[in-house]
């Protein structure tokens, strides 16, 4: 057990791992809840990948070249333009996500009021983090103003930045997680409407 390499040789190393004995039933069950051939699912995945890739590449390109600021005649106008584009892309992503959630198979364990309220609580926490971050940063601070050379006087340390380093990202993740847990309510109302039709 000498040196740094010895620390990685736990239990004889990876040479003793037999992947053919791996238990995959849990993964197989989870994959049964995802229809990867569904157009809505593919669109949502593409939006989830494209959006942050787009705004990070554009913001870094602007930081290096200042071409957007020159094209718009002002770093503020350029930042507002990019921010509006990012906002519209986020609306598209949210739409694609909700469409995918409504078309995907449902997990039976989430068909209960408890799961709905857990999802609602997670969504509520996410909303608090997203909106408090936006209020603290403002539009320009939220939408990459620092890449345009528009900096705040000091780094924010008030809530929600006193709780998390990246509250906007964590809040957005919580929003999508909460929405993922909640969609069974649509099914409940659909079933109720069907029952009412049968009684008539």
N, C-alpha and C. Protein backbone atom coordinates (compact mmCIF):
# COMPACT_ATOMS: atom_id res chain seq x y z
N UNK A 1 0.84 -1.19 0.00
CA UNK A 1 0.00 0.00 0.00
C UNK A 1 0.87 1.25 0.00
N UNK A 2 1.88 1.27 -0.85
CA UNK A 2 2.75 2.44 -0.92
C UNK A 2 2.37 3.30 -2.10
N UNK A 3 2.52 4.60 -1.92
CA UNK A 3 2.30 5.51 -3.04
C UNK A 3 0.82 5.73 -3.33
N UNK A 4 0.59 6.61 -4.30
CA UNK A 4 -0.78 6.98 -4.65
C UNK A 4 -1.50 5.88 -5.42
N UNK A 5 -0.78 5.11 -6.22
CA UNK A 5 -1.41 4.10 -7.05
C UNK A 5 -2.04 3.01 -6.20
N UNK A 6 -1.43 2.69 -5.07
CA UNK A 6 -1.93 1.62 -4.21
C UNK A 6 -3.34 1.91 -3.71
N UNK A 7 -3.68 3.20 -3.56
CA UNK A 7 -5.00 3.57 -3.08
C UNK A 7 -6.12 3.17 -4.03
N UNK A 8 -5.80 3.02 -5.32
CA UNK A 8 -6.82 2.68 -6.31
C UNK A 8 -6.98 1.18 -6.49
N UNK A 9 -6.17 0.37 -5.81
CA UNK A 9 -6.19 -1.07 -6.02
C UNK A 9 -7.02 -1.76 -4.95
N UNK A 10 -8.22 -1.27 -4.73
CA UNK A 10 -9.11 -1.85 -3.74
C UNK A 10 -9.61 -3.21 -4.22
N UNK A 11 -9.59 -4.20 -3.37
CA UNK A 11 -10.15 -5.53 -3.63
C UNK A 11 -9.56 -6.18 -4.88
N UNK A 12 -8.33 -5.90 -5.18
CA UNK A 12 -7.69 -6.53 -6.34
C UNK A 12 -7.90 -5.77 -7.64
N UNK A 13 -8.54 -4.62 -7.59
CA UNK A 13 -8.73 -3.81 -8.79
C UNK A 13 -9.89 -4.28 -9.64
N UNK A 14 -10.05 -3.65 -10.78
CA UNK A 14 -11.16 -3.96 -11.67
C UNK A 14 -11.02 -5.31 -12.36
N UNK A 15 -9.86 -5.92 -12.26
CA UNK A 15 -9.66 -7.23 -12.88
C UNK A 15 -10.53 -8.31 -12.25
N UNK A 16 -11.00 -8.07 -11.02
CA UNK A 16 -11.85 -9.05 -10.34
C UNK A 16 -13.34 -8.80 -10.54
N UNK A 17 -13.70 -7.82 -11.33
CA UNK A 17 -15.12 -7.50 -11.56
C UNK A 17 -15.62 -8.31 -12.74
N UNK A 18 -16.72 -9.04 -12.52
CA UNK A 18 -17.34 -9.83 -13.59
C UNK A 18 -18.63 -9.12 -13.99
N UNK A 19 -18.60 -8.40 -15.12
CA UNK A 19 -19.78 -7.62 -15.52
C UNK A 19 -20.96 -8.51 -15.89
N UNK A 20 -20.70 -9.78 -16.18
CA UNK A 20 -21.80 -10.69 -16.53
C UNK A 20 -22.64 -11.07 -15.31
N UNK A 21 -22.12 -10.79 -14.10
CA UNK A 21 -22.87 -11.07 -12.88
C UNK A 21 -23.55 -9.83 -12.31
N UNK A 22 -23.48 -8.73 -13.05
CA UNK A 22 -24.08 -7.48 -12.58
C UNK A 22 -25.60 -7.61 -12.57
N UNK A 23 -26.22 -7.02 -11.55
CA UNK A 23 -27.67 -7.03 -11.41
C UNK A 23 -28.23 -5.84 -12.20
N UNK A 24 -28.91 -6.11 -13.29
CA UNK A 24 -29.42 -5.06 -14.17
C UNK A 24 -30.93 -4.91 -14.13
N UNK A 25 -31.60 -5.67 -13.25
CA UNK A 25 -33.06 -5.63 -13.25
C UNK A 25 -33.60 -4.25 -12.90
N UNK A 26 -32.93 -3.54 -11.99
CA UNK A 26 -33.40 -2.20 -11.61
C UNK A 26 -33.30 -1.27 -12.81
N UNK A 27 -32.16 -1.32 -13.52
CA UNK A 27 -31.98 -0.47 -14.70
C UNK A 27 -33.00 -0.82 -15.78
N UNK A 28 -33.25 -2.10 -15.96
CA UNK A 28 -34.23 -2.54 -16.96
C UNK A 28 -35.61 -2.02 -16.62
N UNK A 29 -35.98 -2.07 -15.33
CA UNK A 29 -37.28 -1.55 -14.91
C UNK A 29 -37.38 -0.04 -15.14
N UNK A 30 -36.32 0.69 -14.80
CA UNK A 30 -36.34 2.14 -14.99
C UNK A 30 -36.44 2.51 -16.47
N UNK A 31 -35.73 1.78 -17.32
CA UNK A 31 -35.79 2.06 -18.75
C UNK A 31 -37.16 1.74 -19.33
N UNK A 32 -37.93 0.92 -18.64
CA UNK A 32 -39.29 0.64 -19.07
C UNK A 32 -40.21 1.84 -18.96
N UNK A 33 -39.79 2.87 -18.23
CA UNK A 33 -40.59 4.08 -18.08
C UNK A 33 -40.18 5.18 -19.05
N UNK A 34 -39.29 4.86 -19.98
CA UNK A 34 -38.85 5.86 -20.95
C UNK A 34 -39.02 5.30 -22.35
N UNK A 35 -39.78 6.01 -23.15
CA UNK A 35 -39.93 5.64 -24.55
C UNK A 35 -39.02 6.55 -25.36
N UNK A 36 -37.80 6.07 -25.65
CA UNK A 36 -36.80 6.89 -26.33
C UNK A 36 -37.13 7.14 -27.79
N UNK A 37 -38.13 6.44 -28.34
CA UNK A 37 -38.52 6.66 -29.73
C UNK A 37 -39.59 7.75 -29.86
N UNK A 38 -40.12 8.22 -28.74
CA UNK A 38 -41.16 9.25 -28.75
C UNK A 38 -40.56 10.59 -29.21
N UNK A 39 -41.21 11.23 -30.19
CA UNK A 39 -40.71 12.51 -30.73
C UNK A 39 -40.58 13.56 -29.64
N UNK A 40 -41.57 13.65 -28.74
CA UNK A 40 -41.53 14.65 -27.66
C UNK A 40 -40.32 14.44 -26.76
N UNK A 41 -40.00 13.18 -26.47
CA UNK A 41 -38.85 12.87 -25.63
C UNK A 41 -37.56 13.32 -26.33
N UNK A 42 -37.44 13.00 -27.61
CA UNK A 42 -36.24 13.37 -28.37
C UNK A 42 -36.10 14.89 -28.43
N UNK A 43 -37.22 15.59 -28.68
CA UNK A 43 -37.19 17.05 -28.75
C UNK A 43 -36.77 17.65 -27.41
N UNK A 44 -37.28 17.09 -26.32
CA UNK A 44 -36.91 17.59 -24.98
C UNK A 44 -35.44 17.38 -24.71
N UNK A 45 -34.92 16.20 -25.02
CA UNK A 45 -33.50 15.91 -24.80
C UNK A 45 -32.63 16.85 -25.62
N UNK A 46 -33.01 17.08 -26.88
CA UNK A 46 -32.23 17.98 -27.74
C UNK A 46 -32.24 19.40 -27.19
N UNK A 47 -33.39 19.87 -26.69
CA UNK A 47 -33.46 21.21 -26.10
C UNK A 47 -32.62 21.31 -24.83
N UNK A 48 -32.69 20.27 -24.01
CA UNK A 48 -31.93 20.26 -22.75
C UNK A 48 -30.43 20.32 -23.04
N UNK A 49 -29.98 19.65 -24.09
CA UNK A 49 -28.56 19.66 -24.45
C UNK A 49 -28.19 20.97 -25.16
N UNK A 50 -29.04 21.40 -26.11
CA UNK A 50 -28.69 22.55 -26.94
C UNK A 50 -28.65 23.86 -26.18
N UNK A 51 -29.65 24.12 -25.33
CA UNK A 51 -29.77 25.43 -24.71
C UNK A 51 -28.52 25.88 -23.96
N UNK A 52 -28.04 25.13 -22.97
CA UNK A 52 -26.84 25.62 -22.27
C UNK A 52 -25.60 25.64 -23.15
N UNK A 53 -25.53 24.71 -24.09
CA UNK A 53 -24.40 24.70 -25.03
C UNK A 53 -24.40 25.99 -25.85
N UNK A 54 -25.58 26.36 -26.35
CA UNK A 54 -25.71 27.58 -27.15
C UNK A 54 -25.30 28.81 -26.37
N UNK A 55 -25.92 29.02 -25.18
CA UNK A 55 -25.65 30.27 -24.50
C UNK A 55 -24.23 30.34 -23.95
N UNK A 56 -23.65 29.22 -23.57
CA UNK A 56 -22.26 29.25 -23.11
C UNK A 56 -21.29 29.55 -24.25
N UNK A 57 -21.52 28.93 -25.41
CA UNK A 57 -20.65 29.19 -26.56
C UNK A 57 -20.75 30.64 -27.02
N UNK A 58 -21.98 31.15 -27.13
CA UNK A 58 -22.17 32.53 -27.57
C UNK A 58 -21.56 33.51 -26.56
N UNK A 59 -21.80 33.27 -25.27
CA UNK A 59 -21.27 34.17 -24.24
C UNK A 59 -19.74 34.16 -24.23
N UNK A 60 -19.14 32.99 -24.37
CA UNK A 60 -17.67 32.93 -24.37
C UNK A 60 -17.09 33.57 -25.63
N UNK A 61 -17.79 33.38 -26.74
CA UNK A 61 -17.36 34.02 -27.99
C UNK A 61 -17.43 35.54 -27.85
N UNK A 62 -18.51 36.04 -27.25
CA UNK A 62 -18.64 37.47 -27.01
C UNK A 62 -17.55 37.98 -26.08
N UNK A 63 -17.25 37.21 -25.04
CA UNK A 63 -16.22 37.63 -24.09
C UNK A 63 -14.85 37.76 -24.76
N UNK A 64 -14.57 36.87 -25.70
CA UNK A 64 -13.27 36.92 -26.39
C UNK A 64 -13.21 37.95 -27.50
N UNK A 65 -14.34 38.15 -28.22
CA UNK A 65 -14.29 38.98 -29.42
C UNK A 65 -15.01 40.32 -29.30
N UNK A 66 -16.00 40.42 -28.43
CA UNK A 66 -16.87 41.59 -28.28
C UNK A 66 -17.62 41.93 -29.58
N UNK A 67 -17.81 40.93 -30.44
CA UNK A 67 -18.47 41.17 -31.72
C UNK A 67 -19.96 41.48 -31.58
N UNK A 68 -20.63 40.83 -30.63
CA UNK A 68 -22.05 41.14 -30.42
C UNK A 68 -22.23 42.57 -29.92
N UNK A 69 -21.38 42.97 -28.99
CA UNK A 69 -21.46 44.34 -28.45
C UNK A 69 -21.25 45.36 -29.56
N UNK A 70 -20.31 45.10 -30.45
CA UNK A 70 -20.05 46.02 -31.57
C UNK A 70 -21.22 46.00 -32.56
N UNK A 71 -21.76 44.82 -32.83
CA UNK A 71 -22.87 44.70 -33.79
C UNK A 71 -24.12 45.44 -33.29
N UNK A 72 -24.37 45.36 -31.98
CA UNK A 72 -25.56 46.01 -31.42
C UNK A 72 -25.27 47.44 -30.95
N UNK A 73 -24.01 47.86 -31.01
CA UNK A 73 -23.66 49.21 -30.62
C UNK A 73 -23.56 49.44 -29.13
N UNK A 74 -23.75 48.39 -28.35
CA UNK A 74 -23.70 48.52 -26.89
C UNK A 74 -23.69 47.14 -26.26
N UNK A 75 -22.87 46.93 -25.21
CA UNK A 75 -22.91 45.63 -24.54
C UNK A 75 -24.27 45.36 -23.87
N UNK A 76 -24.95 46.43 -23.45
CA UNK A 76 -26.26 46.26 -22.81
C UNK A 76 -27.29 45.76 -23.81
N UNK A 77 -27.33 46.37 -25.00
CA UNK A 77 -28.28 45.93 -26.02
C UNK A 77 -27.98 44.49 -26.46
N UNK A 78 -26.69 44.18 -26.61
CA UNK A 78 -26.30 42.83 -27.00
C UNK A 78 -26.70 41.81 -25.94
N UNK A 79 -26.52 42.17 -24.68
CA UNK A 79 -26.87 41.27 -23.58
C UNK A 79 -28.39 41.08 -23.51
N UNK A 80 -29.14 42.16 -23.72
CA UNK A 80 -30.61 42.02 -23.74
C UNK A 80 -31.06 41.12 -24.88
N UNK A 81 -30.40 41.23 -26.03
CA UNK A 81 -30.76 40.39 -27.17
C UNK A 81 -30.47 38.92 -26.87
N UNK A 82 -29.27 38.63 -26.34
CA UNK A 82 -28.93 37.25 -26.00
C UNK A 82 -29.85 36.74 -24.89
N UNK A 83 -30.10 37.57 -23.89
CA UNK A 83 -30.98 37.17 -22.79
C UNK A 83 -32.38 36.83 -23.27
N UNK A 84 -32.91 37.64 -24.18
CA UNK A 84 -34.25 37.37 -24.73
C UNK A 84 -34.24 36.06 -25.51
N UNK A 85 -33.18 35.82 -26.28
CA UNK A 85 -33.05 34.57 -27.04
C UNK A 85 -33.01 33.38 -26.10
N UNK A 86 -32.22 33.49 -25.03
CA UNK A 86 -32.11 32.41 -24.04
C UNK A 86 -33.47 32.18 -23.37
N UNK A 87 -34.16 33.24 -23.06
CA UNK A 87 -35.48 33.13 -22.43
C UNK A 87 -36.46 32.40 -23.35
N UNK A 88 -36.48 32.75 -24.63
CA UNK A 88 -37.35 32.07 -25.58
C UNK A 88 -36.98 30.60 -25.74
N UNK A 89 -35.68 30.32 -25.76
CA UNK A 89 -35.23 28.92 -25.83
C UNK A 89 -35.66 28.15 -24.59
N UNK A 90 -35.65 28.82 -23.44
CA UNK A 90 -36.09 28.16 -22.21
C UNK A 90 -37.59 27.87 -22.22
N UNK A 91 -38.38 28.77 -22.82
CA UNK A 91 -39.82 28.50 -22.97
C UNK A 91 -40.02 27.27 -23.86
N UNK A 92 -39.25 27.20 -24.95
CA UNK A 92 -39.34 26.05 -25.84
C UNK A 92 -38.95 24.77 -25.11
N UNK A 93 -37.87 24.84 -24.34
CA UNK A 93 -37.43 23.66 -23.58
C UNK A 93 -38.50 23.22 -22.58
N UNK A 94 -39.10 24.16 -21.88
CA UNK A 94 -40.15 23.81 -20.92
C UNK A 94 -41.35 23.19 -21.61
N UNK A 95 -41.71 23.74 -22.77
CA UNK A 95 -42.83 23.18 -23.53
C UNK A 95 -42.52 21.74 -23.96
N UNK A 96 -41.33 21.54 -24.53
CA UNK A 96 -40.94 20.19 -24.97
C UNK A 96 -40.89 19.22 -23.79
N UNK A 97 -40.41 19.71 -22.65
CA UNK A 97 -40.32 18.86 -21.46
C UNK A 97 -41.71 18.43 -20.99
N UNK A 98 -42.65 19.38 -20.93
CA UNK A 98 -43.99 19.02 -20.46
C UNK A 98 -44.70 18.10 -21.46
N UNK A 99 -44.45 18.31 -22.75
CA UNK A 99 -45.02 17.41 -23.76
C UNK A 99 -44.45 16.00 -23.59
N UNK A 100 -43.15 15.91 -23.37
CA UNK A 100 -42.51 14.60 -23.18
C UNK A 100 -43.04 13.92 -21.92
N UNK A 101 -43.22 14.69 -20.85
CA UNK A 101 -43.71 14.10 -19.61
C UNK A 101 -45.13 13.55 -19.78
N UNK A 102 -45.96 14.24 -20.55
CA UNK A 102 -47.33 13.77 -20.72
C UNK A 102 -47.43 12.56 -21.64
N UNK A 103 -46.41 12.35 -22.49
CA UNK A 103 -46.48 11.23 -23.43
C UNK A 103 -45.70 10.00 -22.97
N UNK A 104 -44.92 10.13 -21.91
CA UNK A 104 -44.11 9.01 -21.43
C UNK A 104 -44.92 8.11 -20.49
N UNK A 105 -44.51 6.84 -20.37
CA UNK A 105 -45.18 5.94 -19.42
C UNK A 105 -45.08 6.48 -18.00
N UNK A 106 -46.06 6.20 -17.19
CA UNK A 106 -46.10 6.69 -15.80
C UNK A 106 -45.66 5.60 -14.83
N UNK A 107 -44.96 6.00 -13.79
CA UNK A 107 -44.54 5.08 -12.74
C UNK A 107 -45.68 4.94 -11.73
N UNK A 108 -46.13 3.69 -11.53
CA UNK A 108 -47.29 3.46 -10.67
C UNK A 108 -47.10 4.01 -9.26
N UNK A 109 -45.88 3.93 -8.76
CA UNK A 109 -45.61 4.39 -7.40
C UNK A 109 -45.85 5.88 -7.20
N UNK A 110 -45.91 6.64 -8.30
CA UNK A 110 -46.15 8.07 -8.18
C UNK A 110 -47.62 8.43 -8.27
N UNK A 111 -48.47 7.44 -8.48
CA UNK A 111 -49.91 7.69 -8.58
C UNK A 111 -50.54 7.76 -7.19
N UNK A 112 -50.12 8.75 -6.42
CA UNK A 112 -50.68 8.92 -5.08
C UNK A 112 -50.56 10.39 -4.67
N UNK A 113 -51.43 10.84 -3.79
CA UNK A 113 -51.37 12.24 -3.36
C UNK A 113 -50.03 12.61 -2.71
N UNK A 114 -49.41 11.66 -2.00
CA UNK A 114 -48.13 11.95 -1.34
C UNK A 114 -47.07 12.36 -2.35
N UNK A 115 -46.99 11.64 -3.45
CA UNK A 115 -46.01 11.96 -4.49
C UNK A 115 -46.32 13.33 -5.10
N UNK A 116 -47.60 13.61 -5.28
CA UNK A 116 -47.99 14.92 -5.83
C UNK A 116 -47.51 16.04 -4.92
N UNK A 117 -47.72 15.89 -3.61
CA UNK A 117 -47.34 16.96 -2.68
C UNK A 117 -45.82 17.07 -2.55
N UNK A 118 -45.11 15.95 -2.65
CA UNK A 118 -43.63 16.02 -2.65
C UNK A 118 -43.17 16.78 -3.89
N UNK A 119 -43.74 16.44 -5.04
CA UNK A 119 -43.40 17.15 -6.28
C UNK A 119 -43.72 18.63 -6.18
N UNK A 120 -44.86 18.95 -5.59
CA UNK A 120 -45.26 20.34 -5.42
C UNK A 120 -44.30 21.09 -4.51
N UNK A 121 -43.86 20.43 -3.43
CA UNK A 121 -42.90 21.06 -2.51
C UNK A 121 -41.56 21.31 -3.20
N UNK A 122 -41.09 20.33 -3.97
CA UNK A 122 -39.82 20.49 -4.69
C UNK A 122 -39.95 21.62 -5.71
N UNK A 123 -41.08 21.67 -6.40
CA UNK A 123 -41.34 22.74 -7.36
C UNK A 123 -41.35 24.09 -6.66
N UNK A 124 -41.97 24.15 -5.50
CA UNK A 124 -42.02 25.40 -4.74
C UNK A 124 -40.63 25.89 -4.35
N UNK A 125 -39.78 24.97 -3.88
CA UNK A 125 -38.40 25.33 -3.52
C UNK A 125 -37.66 25.83 -4.75
N UNK A 126 -37.86 25.13 -5.88
CA UNK A 126 -37.21 25.55 -7.13
C UNK A 126 -37.62 26.94 -7.55
N UNK A 127 -38.91 27.23 -7.46
CA UNK A 127 -39.42 28.55 -7.84
C UNK A 127 -38.81 29.64 -6.95
N UNK A 128 -38.72 29.36 -5.65
CA UNK A 128 -38.13 30.34 -4.72
C UNK A 128 -36.68 30.64 -5.12
N UNK A 129 -35.90 29.60 -5.41
CA UNK A 129 -34.50 29.81 -5.79
C UNK A 129 -34.37 30.54 -7.12
N UNK A 130 -35.19 30.18 -8.10
CA UNK A 130 -35.09 30.83 -9.41
C UNK A 130 -35.48 32.30 -9.31
N UNK A 131 -36.62 32.60 -8.70
CA UNK A 131 -37.08 33.99 -8.66
C UNK A 131 -36.22 34.86 -7.75
N UNK A 132 -35.77 34.31 -6.63
CA UNK A 132 -34.91 35.12 -5.75
C UNK A 132 -33.56 35.37 -6.41
N UNK A 133 -33.07 34.41 -7.18
CA UNK A 133 -31.83 34.63 -7.93
C UNK A 133 -32.01 35.73 -8.97
N UNK A 134 -33.14 35.66 -9.69
CA UNK A 134 -33.42 36.66 -10.71
C UNK A 134 -33.53 38.05 -10.10
N UNK A 135 -34.21 38.15 -8.96
CA UNK A 135 -34.37 39.45 -8.30
C UNK A 135 -33.02 39.99 -7.82
N UNK A 136 -32.16 39.11 -7.35
CA UNK A 136 -30.85 39.54 -6.87
C UNK A 136 -29.92 39.95 -8.02
N UNK A 137 -29.98 39.21 -9.12
CA UNK A 137 -29.07 39.46 -10.24
C UNK A 137 -29.61 40.48 -11.24
N UNK A 138 -30.92 40.57 -11.37
CA UNK A 138 -31.50 41.38 -12.43
C UNK A 138 -31.40 40.66 -13.77
N UNK A 139 -32.00 41.25 -14.80
CA UNK A 139 -32.00 40.60 -16.12
C UNK A 139 -30.59 40.42 -16.65
N UNK A 140 -29.79 41.49 -16.59
CA UNK A 140 -28.44 41.43 -17.15
C UNK A 140 -27.55 40.47 -16.37
N UNK A 141 -27.66 40.47 -15.07
CA UNK A 141 -26.86 39.55 -14.26
C UNK A 141 -27.26 38.10 -14.48
N UNK A 142 -28.56 37.88 -14.69
CA UNK A 142 -29.05 36.52 -14.93
C UNK A 142 -28.60 36.01 -16.28
N UNK A 143 -28.68 36.88 -17.28
CA UNK A 143 -28.41 36.46 -18.65
C UNK A 143 -27.02 36.87 -19.13
N UNK A 144 -26.01 36.49 -18.33
CA UNK A 144 -24.60 36.49 -18.76
C UNK A 144 -24.01 37.87 -18.99
N UNK A 145 -24.50 38.86 -18.26
CA UNK A 145 -23.95 40.21 -18.42
C UNK A 145 -22.46 40.29 -18.16
N UNK A 146 -21.93 39.44 -17.27
CA UNK A 146 -20.50 39.49 -16.98
C UNK A 146 -19.66 39.14 -18.21
N UNK A 147 -20.18 38.32 -19.12
CA UNK A 147 -19.47 37.99 -20.35
C UNK A 147 -19.43 39.17 -21.31
N UNK A 148 -20.34 40.14 -21.11
CA UNK A 148 -20.37 41.34 -21.93
C UNK A 148 -19.59 42.48 -21.25
N UNK A 149 -18.92 42.17 -20.14
CA UNK A 149 -18.17 43.18 -19.42
C UNK A 149 -19.01 44.01 -18.47
N UNK A 150 -20.25 43.59 -18.22
CA UNK A 150 -21.14 44.31 -17.31
C UNK A 150 -21.11 43.57 -15.98
N UNK A 151 -20.31 44.08 -15.07
CA UNK A 151 -20.08 43.38 -13.80
C UNK A 151 -20.76 44.10 -12.64
N UNK A 152 -21.16 43.33 -11.65
CA UNK A 152 -21.65 43.92 -10.41
C UNK A 152 -20.43 44.41 -9.61
N UNK A 153 -20.69 45.28 -8.65
CA UNK A 153 -19.59 45.83 -7.87
C UNK A 153 -18.89 44.76 -7.04
N UNK A 154 -19.66 43.80 -6.56
CA UNK A 154 -19.09 42.71 -5.75
C UNK A 154 -19.94 41.46 -5.97
N UNK A 155 -19.36 40.33 -5.65
CA UNK A 155 -20.08 39.07 -5.78
C UNK A 155 -21.22 39.05 -4.76
N UNK A 156 -22.37 38.54 -5.18
CA UNK A 156 -23.54 38.50 -4.30
C UNK A 156 -23.37 37.44 -3.22
N UNK A 157 -23.69 37.83 -1.99
CA UNK A 157 -23.61 36.88 -0.87
C UNK A 157 -24.93 36.81 -0.10
N UNK A 158 -25.94 37.55 -0.58
CA UNK A 158 -27.24 37.51 0.08
C UNK A 158 -28.02 36.29 -0.42
N UNK A 159 -29.19 36.03 0.20
CA UNK A 159 -30.02 34.91 -0.22
C UNK A 159 -30.42 35.10 -1.68
N UNK A 160 -30.40 34.09 -2.47
CA UNK A 160 -30.15 32.67 -2.23
C UNK A 160 -28.68 32.26 -2.36
N UNK A 161 -27.81 33.24 -2.68
CA UNK A 161 -26.40 32.93 -2.87
C UNK A 161 -25.69 32.62 -1.56
N UNK A 162 -26.33 32.94 -0.44
CA UNK A 162 -25.78 32.58 0.86
C UNK A 162 -26.04 31.11 1.17
N UNK A 163 -26.96 30.48 0.42
CA UNK A 163 -27.32 29.08 0.64
C UNK A 163 -26.65 28.17 -0.38
N UNK A 164 -26.63 28.59 -1.64
CA UNK A 164 -26.07 27.79 -2.73
C UNK A 164 -25.18 28.65 -3.63
N UNK A 165 -24.19 28.03 -4.24
CA UNK A 165 -23.34 28.75 -5.18
C UNK A 165 -24.07 29.07 -6.49
N UNK A 166 -24.89 28.15 -6.96
CA UNK A 166 -25.59 28.33 -8.23
C UNK A 166 -27.10 28.11 -8.04
N UNK A 167 -27.77 29.01 -7.32
CA UNK A 167 -29.18 28.79 -6.99
C UNK A 167 -30.10 28.76 -8.20
N UNK A 168 -29.73 29.49 -9.27
CA UNK A 168 -30.58 29.48 -10.47
C UNK A 168 -30.59 28.09 -11.10
N UNK A 169 -29.43 27.48 -11.22
CA UNK A 169 -29.34 26.14 -11.81
C UNK A 169 -30.02 25.09 -10.92
N UNK A 170 -29.75 25.16 -9.61
CA UNK A 170 -30.37 24.21 -8.70
C UNK A 170 -31.88 24.39 -8.66
N UNK A 171 -32.32 25.65 -8.71
CA UNK A 171 -33.75 25.92 -8.72
C UNK A 171 -34.43 25.39 -9.97
N UNK A 172 -33.79 25.59 -11.12
CA UNK A 172 -34.35 25.06 -12.38
C UNK A 172 -34.42 23.54 -12.35
N UNK A 173 -33.37 22.91 -11.83
CA UNK A 173 -33.37 21.46 -11.72
C UNK A 173 -34.49 20.98 -10.81
N UNK A 174 -34.69 21.68 -9.68
CA UNK A 174 -35.77 21.33 -8.76
C UNK A 174 -37.13 21.50 -9.43
N UNK A 175 -37.28 22.54 -10.25
CA UNK A 175 -38.56 22.74 -10.96
C UNK A 175 -38.87 21.56 -11.86
N UNK A 176 -37.89 21.13 -12.64
CA UNK A 176 -38.12 20.01 -13.55
C UNK A 176 -38.33 18.70 -12.79
N UNK A 177 -37.62 18.51 -11.70
CA UNK A 177 -37.82 17.31 -10.89
C UNK A 177 -39.22 17.30 -10.29
N UNK A 178 -39.64 18.44 -9.74
CA UNK A 178 -40.99 18.53 -9.17
C UNK A 178 -42.06 18.26 -10.21
N UNK A 179 -41.89 18.84 -11.40
CA UNK A 179 -42.86 18.60 -12.47
C UNK A 179 -42.86 17.15 -12.92
N UNK A 180 -41.70 16.51 -12.84
CA UNK A 180 -41.62 15.10 -13.24
C UNK A 180 -42.39 14.20 -12.29
N UNK A 181 -42.43 14.57 -11.04
CA UNK A 181 -43.10 13.75 -10.04
C UNK A 181 -44.62 13.98 -10.07
N UNK A 182 -45.05 15.15 -10.53
CA UNK A 182 -46.46 15.55 -10.43
C UNK A 182 -47.39 15.12 -11.56
N UNK A 183 -46.95 14.69 -12.73
CA UNK A 183 -47.89 14.60 -13.86
C UNK A 183 -49.01 13.59 -13.71
N UNK A 184 -48.97 12.75 -12.67
CA UNK A 184 -50.05 11.78 -12.51
C UNK A 184 -51.40 12.45 -12.30
N UNK A 185 -51.41 13.72 -11.89
CA UNK A 185 -52.68 14.40 -11.65
C UNK A 185 -53.50 14.51 -12.94
N UNK A 186 -52.83 14.69 -14.08
CA UNK A 186 -53.53 14.71 -15.36
C UNK A 186 -54.32 13.42 -15.54
N UNK A 187 -53.67 12.31 -15.22
CA UNK A 187 -54.30 11.00 -15.37
C UNK A 187 -55.50 10.86 -14.43
N UNK A 188 -55.37 11.39 -13.21
CA UNK A 188 -56.46 11.31 -12.25
C UNK A 188 -57.69 12.03 -12.80
N UNK A 189 -57.50 13.24 -13.32
CA UNK A 189 -58.63 14.00 -13.85
C UNK A 189 -59.20 13.36 -15.11
N UNK A 190 -58.36 12.76 -15.93
CA UNK A 190 -58.83 12.06 -17.11
C UNK A 190 -59.72 10.89 -16.71
N UNK A 191 -59.26 10.12 -15.70
CA UNK A 191 -60.04 8.98 -15.23
C UNK A 191 -61.38 9.43 -14.62
N UNK A 192 -61.33 10.54 -13.90
CA UNK A 192 -62.56 11.05 -13.30
C UNK A 192 -63.56 11.45 -14.38
N UNK A 193 -63.06 12.10 -15.44
CA UNK A 193 -63.94 12.50 -16.54
C UNK A 193 -64.54 11.28 -17.23
N UNK A 194 -63.75 10.22 -17.37
CA UNK A 194 -64.25 8.99 -17.98
C UNK A 194 -65.33 8.36 -17.12
N UNK A 195 -65.13 8.35 -15.80
CA UNK A 195 -66.12 7.78 -14.89
C UNK A 195 -67.44 8.54 -14.94
N UNK A 196 -67.33 9.88 -15.05
CA UNK A 196 -68.55 10.69 -15.14
C UNK A 196 -69.30 10.41 -16.43
N UNK A 197 -68.55 10.19 -17.53
CA UNK A 197 -69.19 9.86 -18.81
C UNK A 197 -69.91 8.52 -18.74
N UNK A 198 -69.31 7.54 -18.05
CA UNK A 198 -69.91 6.22 -17.92
C UNK A 198 -71.20 6.28 -17.11
N UNK A 199 -71.25 7.15 -16.10
CA UNK A 199 -72.45 7.25 -15.26
C UNK A 199 -73.61 7.88 -16.00
N UNK A 200 -73.33 8.69 -17.02
CA UNK A 200 -74.40 9.39 -17.75
C UNK A 200 -75.11 8.51 -18.71
